[in-house]
Amino acid sequence: YARTGESDEAIKLIEKLLTLPATMGTYPIF
């Protein structure tokens, strides 16, 4: 979303995902 100009969608998702568990790989760019 961030790279395709959908900033609203990107930020909404980032805010939610920063509160959810994830695998926290050391390499993925996302």
All heavy atoms as atom14 arrays in JSON, in Angstrom:
{
  "sequence": "YARTGESDEAIKLIEKLLTLPATMGTYPIF",
  "atom14_mask": [
    [1, 1, 1, 1, 1, 1, 1, 1, 1, 1, 1, 1, 0, 0],
    [1, 1, 1, 1, 1, 0, 0, 0, 0, 0, 0, 0, 0, 0],
    [1, 1, 1, 1, 1, 1, 1, 1, 1, 1, 1, 0, 0, 0],
    [1, 1, 1, 1, 1, 1, 1, 0, 0, 0, 0, 0, 0, 0],
    [1, 1, 1, 1, 0, 0, 0, 0, 0, 0, 0, 0, 0, 0],
    [1, 1, 1, 1, 1, 1, 1, 1, 1, 0, 0, 0, 0, 0],
    [1, 1, 1, 1, 1, 1, 0, 0, 0, 0, 0, 0, 0, 0],
    [1, 1, 1, 1, 1, 1, 1, 1, 0, 0, 0, 0, 0, 0],
    [1, 1, 1, 1, 1, 1, 1, 1, 1, 0, 0, 0, 0, 0],
    [1, 1, 1, 1, 1, 0, 0, 0, 0, 0, 0, 0, 0, 0],
    [1, 1, 1, 1, 1, 1, 1, 1, 0, 0, 0, 0, 0, 0],
    [1, 1, 1, 1, 1, 1, 1, 1, 1, 0, 0, 0, 0, 0],
    [1, 1, 1, 1, 1, 1, 1, 1, 0, 0, 0, 0, 0, 0],
    [1, 1, 1, 1, 1, 1, 1, 1, 0, 0, 0, 0, 0, 0],
    [1, 1, 1, 1, 1, 1, 1, 1, 1, 0, 0, 0, 0, 0],
    [1, 1, 1, 1, 1, 1, 1, 1, 1, 0, 0, 0, 0, 0],
    [1, 1, 1, 1, 1, 1, 1, 1, 0, 0, 0, 0, 0, 0],
    [1, 1, 1, 1, 1, 1, 1, 1, 0, 0, 0, 0, 0, 0],
    [1, 1, 1, 1, 1, 1, 1, 0, 0, 0, 0, 0, 0, 0],
    [1, 1, 1, 1, 1, 1, 1, 1, 0, 0, 0, 0, 0, 0],
    [1, 1, 1, 1, 1, 1, 1, 0, 0, 0, 0, 0, 0, 0],
    [1, 1, 1, 1, 1, 0, 0, 0, 0, 0, 0, 0, 0, 0],
    [1, 1, 1, 1, 1, 1, 1, 0, 0, 0, 0, 0, 0, 0],
    [1, 1, 1, 1, 1, 1, 1, 1, 0, 0, 0, 0, 0, 0],
    [1, 1, 1, 1, 0, 0, 0, 0, 0, 0, 0, 0, 0, 0],
    [1, 1, 1, 1, 1, 1, 1, 0, 0, 0, 0, 0, 0, 0],
    [1, 1, 1, 1, 1, 1, 1, 1, 1, 1, 1, 1, 0, 0],
    [1, 1, 1, 1, 1, 1, 1, 0, 0, 0, 0, 0, 0, 0],
    [1, 1, 1, 1, 1, 1, 1, 1, 0, 0, 0, 0, 0, 0],
    [1, 1, 1, 1, 1, 1, 1, 1, 1, 1, 1, 0, 0, 0]
  ],
  "atom14_positions": [
    [[0.84, -1.21, 0.0], [0.0, 0.0, 0.0], [0.87, 1.26, 0.0], [0.61, 2.22, -0.72], [-0.91, 0.02, 1.23], [-2.1, -0.92, 1.17], [-2.51, -1.62, 2.31], [-2.84, -1.09, 0.0], [-3.62, -2.47, 2.29], [-3.94, -1.93, -0.04], [-4.33, -2.63, 1.11], [-5.43, -3.47, 1.07], [0.0, 0.0, 0.0], [0.0, 0.0, 0.0]],
    [[1.92, 1.25, 0.85], [2.79, 2.43, 0.96], [3.48, 2.74, -0.37], [3.64, 3.9, -0.75], [3.84, 2.2, 2.05], [0.0, 0.0, 0.0], [0.0, 0.0, 0.0], [0.0, 0.0, 0.0], [0.0, 0.0, 0.0], [0.0, 0.0, 0.0], [0.0, 0.0, 0.0], [0.0, 0.0, 0.0], [0.0, 0.0, 0.0], [0.0, 0.0, 0.0]],
    [[3.88, 1.68, -1.09], [4.62, 1.87, -2.34], [3.71, 2.17, -3.53], [4.2, 2.5, -4.6], [5.46, 0.63, -2.66], [6.48, 0.22, -1.63], [7.6, 1.17, -1.37], [8.3, 1.69, -2.53], [9.4, 2.45, -2.47], [9.92, 2.75, -1.28], [9.97, 2.91, -3.55], [0.0, 0.0, 0.0], [0.0, 0.0, 0.0], [0.0, 0.0, 0.0]],
    [[2.4, 1.97, -3.36], [1.49, 2.18, -4.51], [0.57, 3.38, -4.27], [-0.48, 3.49, -4.89], [0.66, 0.92, -4.79], [-0.03, 0.53, -3.59], [1.51, -0.24, -5.27], [0.0, 0.0, 0.0], [0.0, 0.0, 0.0], [0.0, 0.0, 0.0], [0.0, 0.0, 0.0], [0.0, 0.0, 0.0], [0.0, 0.0, 0.0], [0.0, 0.0, 0.0]],
    [[0.96, 4.25, -3.33], [0.21, 5.49, -3.13], [-1.03, 5.37, -2.27], [-1.79, 6.33, -2.15], [0.0, 0.0, 0.0], [0.0, 0.0, 0.0], [0.0, 0.0, 0.0], [0.0, 0.0, 0.0], [0.0, 0.0, 0.0], [0.0, 0.0, 0.0], [0.0, 0.0, 0.0], [0.0, 0.0, 0.0], [0.0, 0.0, 0.0], [0.0, 0.0, 0.0]],
    [[-1.24, 4.21, -1.65], [-2.41, 4.03, -0.77], [-2.0, 4.31, 0.68], [-2.05, 3.42, 1.53], [-2.98, 2.62, -0.92], [-3.56, 2.3, -2.3], [-4.84, 3.07, -2.59], [-5.52, 3.49, -1.63], [-5.16, 3.27, -3.78], [0.0, 0.0, 0.0], [0.0, 0.0, 0.0], [0.0, 0.0, 0.0], [0.0, 0.0, 0.0], [0.0, 0.0, 0.0]],
    [[-1.63, 5.55, 0.96], [-1.08, 5.9, 2.29], [-2.07, 5.63, 3.42], [-1.69, 5.15, 4.49], [-0.66, 7.36, 2.34], [0.29, 7.59, 1.34], [0.0, 0.0, 0.0], [0.0, 0.0, 0.0], [0.0, 0.0, 0.0], [0.0, 0.0, 0.0], [0.0, 0.0, 0.0], [0.0, 0.0, 0.0], [0.0, 0.0, 0.0], [0.0, 0.0, 0.0]],
    [[-3.36, 5.97, 3.2], [-4.35, 5.77, 4.27], [-4.43, 4.31, 4.67], [-4.41, 3.97, 5.86], [-5.75, 6.24, 3.8], [-5.81, 7.75, 3.61], [-4.79, 8.41, 3.93], [-6.84, 8.26, 3.17], [0.0, 0.0, 0.0], [0.0, 0.0, 0.0], [0.0, 0.0, 0.0], [0.0, 0.0, 0.0], [0.0, 0.0, 0.0], [0.0, 0.0, 0.0]],
    [[-4.51, 3.43, 3.65], [-4.58, 1.97, 3.92], [-3.32, 1.51, 4.64], [-3.38, 0.71, 5.58], [-4.74, 1.2, 2.6], [-6.07, 1.41, 1.88], [-7.26, 0.82, 2.64], [-7.07, -0.15, 3.4], [-8.37, 1.34, 2.46], [0.0, 0.0, 0.0], [0.0, 0.0, 0.0], [0.0, 0.0, 0.0], [0.0, 0.0, 0.0], [0.0, 0.0, 0.0]],
    [[-2.17, 2.0, 4.17], [-0.89, 1.59, 4.75], [-0.81, 1.96, 6.23], [-0.48, 1.13, 7.08], [0.27, 2.24, 3.99], [0.0, 0.0, 0.0], [0.0, 0.0, 0.0], [0.0, 0.0, 0.0], [0.0, 0.0, 0.0], [0.0, 0.0, 0.0], [0.0, 0.0, 0.0], [0.0, 0.0, 0.0], [0.0, 0.0, 0.0], [0.0, 0.0, 0.0]],
    [[-1.15, 3.21, 6.54], [-1.0, 3.69, 7.93], [-2.0, 3.01, 8.85], [-1.67, 2.63, 9.98], [-1.09, 5.24, 7.97], [0.24, 5.78, 7.44], [-1.35, 5.75, 9.38], [0.25, 7.22, 7.06], [0.0, 0.0, 0.0], [0.0, 0.0, 0.0], [0.0, 0.0, 0.0], [0.0, 0.0, 0.0], [0.0, 0.0, 0.0], [0.0, 0.0, 0.0]],
    [[-3.21, 2.81, 8.37], [-4.23, 2.1, 9.16], [-3.73, 0.7, 9.54], [-3.83, 0.26, 10.68], [-5.51, 2.0, 8.33], [-6.8, 2.02, 9.14], [-8.01, 2.4, 8.28], [-8.24, 1.38, 7.15], [-9.2, 1.88, 6.14], [0.0, 0.0, 0.0], [0.0, 0.0, 0.0], [0.0, 0.0, 0.0], [0.0, 0.0, 0.0], [0.0, 0.0, 0.0]],
    [[-3.14, 0.03, 8.56], [-2.64, -1.33, 8.78], [-1.42, -1.33, 9.71], [-1.32, -2.17, 10.61], [-2.3, -1.96, 7.42], [-2.3, -3.48, 7.27], [-3.49, -4.13, 7.97], [-2.28, -3.88, 5.8], [0.0, 0.0, 0.0], [0.0, 0.0, 0.0], [0.0, 0.0, 0.0], [0.0, 0.0, 0.0], [0.0, 0.0, 0.0], [0.0, 0.0, 0.0]],
    [[-0.52, -0.37, 9.52], [0.68, -0.29, 10.36], [0.29, -0.09, 11.83], [0.81, -0.76, 12.73], [1.61, 0.86, 9.89], [2.26, 0.5, 8.56], [2.69, 1.15, 10.94], [2.93, 1.68, 7.85], [0.0, 0.0, 0.0], [0.0, 0.0, 0.0], [0.0, 0.0, 0.0], [0.0, 0.0, 0.0], [0.0, 0.0, 0.0], [0.0, 0.0, 0.0]],
    [[-0.64, 0.83, 12.08], [-1.08, 1.1, 13.46], [-1.62, -0.16, 14.13], [-1.35, -0.43, 15.3], [-2.13, 2.22, 13.48], [-1.53, 3.59, 13.23], [-2.58, 4.69, 13.04], [-3.77, 4.39, 12.77], [-2.19, 5.87, 13.16], [0.0, 0.0, 0.0], [0.0, 0.0, 0.0], [0.0, 0.0, 0.0], [0.0, 0.0, 0.0], [0.0, 0.0, 0.0]],
    [[-2.36, -0.94, 13.37], [-2.94, -2.17, 13.92], [-1.84, -3.23, 14.12], [-1.75, -3.86, 15.17], [-4.01, -2.69, 12.94], [-4.67, -3.99, 13.36], [-5.68, -4.43, 12.31], [-5.94, -5.92, 12.39], [-6.62, -6.43, 11.19], [0.0, 0.0, 0.0], [0.0, 0.0, 0.0], [0.0, 0.0, 0.0], [0.0, 0.0, 0.0], [0.0, 0.0, 0.0]],
    [[-0.97, -3.4, 13.12], [0.02, -4.47, 13.15], [1.09, -4.26, 14.22], [1.67, -5.22, 14.73], [0.68, -4.64, 11.78], [-0.22, -5.22, 10.69], [0.42, -5.09, 9.32], [-0.55, -6.7, 10.98], [0.0, 0.0, 0.0], [0.0, 0.0, 0.0], [0.0, 0.0, 0.0], [0.0, 0.0, 0.0], [0.0, 0.0, 0.0], [0.0, 0.0, 0.0]],
    [[1.37, -3.0, 14.56], [2.38, -2.74, 15.6], [1.92, -3.22, 16.98], [2.72, -3.26, 17.92], [2.71, -1.24, 15.66], [3.7, -0.72, 14.62], [3.81, 0.78, 14.68], [5.08, -1.36, 14.79], [0.0, 0.0, 0.0], [0.0, 0.0, 0.0], [0.0, 0.0, 0.0], [0.0, 0.0, 0.0], [0.0, 0.0, 0.0], [0.0, 0.0, 0.0]],
    [[0.64, -3.58, 17.11], [0.15, -4.09, 18.39], [-0.08, -5.61, 18.35], [-0.51, -6.19, 19.33], [-1.18, -3.41, 18.78], [-2.2, -3.83, 17.85], [-1.08, -1.9, 18.76], [0.0, 0.0, 0.0], [0.0, 0.0, 0.0], [0.0, 0.0, 0.0], [0.0, 0.0, 0.0], [0.0, 0.0, 0.0], [0.0, 0.0, 0.0], [0.0, 0.0, 0.0]],
    [[0.22, -6.24, 17.19], [-0.02, -7.68, 17.05], [1.3, -8.44, 16.97], [2.28, -7.91, 16.44], [-0.84, -7.96, 15.78], [-2.26, -7.35, 15.71], [-2.9, -7.67, 14.37], [-3.13, -7.87, 16.85], [0.0, 0.0, 0.0], [0.0, 0.0, 0.0], [0.0, 0.0, 0.0], [0.0, 0.0, 0.0], [0.0, 0.0, 0.0], [0.0, 0.0, 0.0]],
    [[1.33, -9.69, 17.47], [2.57, -10.47, 17.38], [2.94, -10.74, 15.92], [2.07, -10.79, 15.05], [2.23, -11.8, 18.09], [0.89, -11.62, 18.69], [0.23, -10.45, 18.08], [0.0, 0.0, 0.0], [0.0, 0.0, 0.0], [0.0, 0.0, 0.0], [0.0, 0.0, 0.0], [0.0, 0.0, 0.0], [0.0, 0.0, 0.0], [0.0, 0.0, 0.0]],
    [[4.23, -10.9, 15.66], [4.7, -11.25, 14.32], [6.04, -11.97, 14.46], [6.65, -11.92, 15.52], [4.85, -10.0, 13.46], [0.0, 0.0, 0.0], [0.0, 0.0, 0.0], [0.0, 0.0, 0.0], [0.0, 0.0, 0.0], [0.0, 0.0, 0.0], [0.0, 0.0, 0.0], [0.0, 0.0, 0.0], [0.0, 0.0, 0.0], [0.0, 0.0, 0.0]],
    [[6.5, -12.62, 13.39], [7.71, -13.44, 13.54], [9.0, -12.64, 13.68], [10.01, -13.18, 14.09], [7.87, -14.46, 12.39], [7.76, -13.75, 11.16], [6.84, -15.54, 12.45], [0.0, 0.0, 0.0], [0.0, 0.0, 0.0], [0.0, 0.0, 0.0], [0.0, 0.0, 0.0], [0.0, 0.0, 0.0], [0.0, 0.0, 0.0], [0.0, 0.0, 0.0]],
    [[8.98, -11.35, 13.34], [10.14, -10.47, 13.56], [11.43, -11.02, 12.95], [12.48, -11.05, 13.58], [10.38, -10.24, 15.07], [9.24, -9.6, 15.79], [8.88, -7.97, 15.14], [7.19, -7.81, 15.7], [0.0, 0.0, 0.0], [0.0, 0.0, 0.0], [0.0, 0.0, 0.0], [0.0, 0.0, 0.0], [0.0, 0.0, 0.0], [0.0, 0.0, 0.0]],
    [[11.33, -11.46, 11.7], [12.53, -11.94, 11.02], [13.57, -10.83, 10.94], [13.24, -9.65, 10.97], [0.0, 0.0, 0.0], [0.0, 0.0, 0.0], [0.0, 0.0, 0.0], [0.0, 0.0, 0.0], [0.0, 0.0, 0.0], [0.0, 0.0, 0.0], [0.0, 0.0, 0.0], [0.0, 0.0, 0.0], [0.0, 0.0, 0.0], [0.0, 0.0, 0.0]],
    [[14.84, -11.22, 10.86], [15.88, -10.19, 10.82], [16.1, -9.68, 9.4], [16.73, -8.65, 9.21], [17.21, -10.72, 11.39], [17.62, -11.85, 10.63], [17.09, -11.1, 12.84], [0.0, 0.0, 0.0], [0.0, 0.0, 0.0], [0.0, 0.0, 0.0], [0.0, 0.0, 0.0], [0.0, 0.0, 0.0], [0.0, 0.0, 0.0], [0.0, 0.0, 0.0]],
    [[15.59, -10.39, 8.38], [15.85, -9.98, 7.01], [14.69, -9.31, 6.26], [14.93, -8.42, 5.47], [16.33, -11.19, 6.19], [17.63, -11.79, 6.66], [17.81, -13.17, 6.72], [18.7, -10.97, 7.03], [19.02, -13.71, 7.15], [19.9, -11.5, 7.47], [20.06, -12.89, 7.52], [21.24, -13.42, 7.94], [0.0, 0.0, 0.0], [0.0, 0.0, 0.0]],
    [[13.42, -9.74, 6.45], [12.36, -9.17, 5.6], [12.29, -7.65, 5.68], [12.39, -7.07, 6.76], [11.07, -9.81, 6.15], [11.51, -11.06, 6.81], [12.88, -10.76, 7.37], [0.0, 0.0, 0.0], [0.0, 0.0, 0.0], [0.0, 0.0, 0.0], [0.0, 0.0, 0.0], [0.0, 0.0, 0.0], [0.0, 0.0, 0.0], [0.0, 0.0, 0.0]],
    [[12.11, -7.01, 4.53], [12.08, -5.54, 4.5], [10.8, -4.98, 5.1], [10.7, -3.79, 5.34], [12.27, -5.01, 3.05], [11.22, -5.62, 2.11], [13.67, -5.27, 2.55], [11.24, -5.01, 0.72], [0.0, 0.0, 0.0], [0.0, 0.0, 0.0], [0.0, 0.0, 0.0], [0.0, 0.0, 0.0], [0.0, 0.0, 0.0], [0.0, 0.0, 0.0]],
    [[9.82, -5.86, 5.35], [8.52, -5.38, 5.86], [8.33, -5.68, 7.35], [7.23, -5.52, 7.87], [7.36, -5.99, 5.06], [7.44, -7.49, 4.93], [7.02, -8.32, 5.96], [7.96, -8.07, 3.78], [7.11, -9.7, 5.86], [8.05, -9.46, 3.66], [7.62, -10.27, 4.71], [0.0, 0.0, 0.0], [0.0, 0.0, 0.0], [0.0, 0.0, 0.0]]
  ]
}
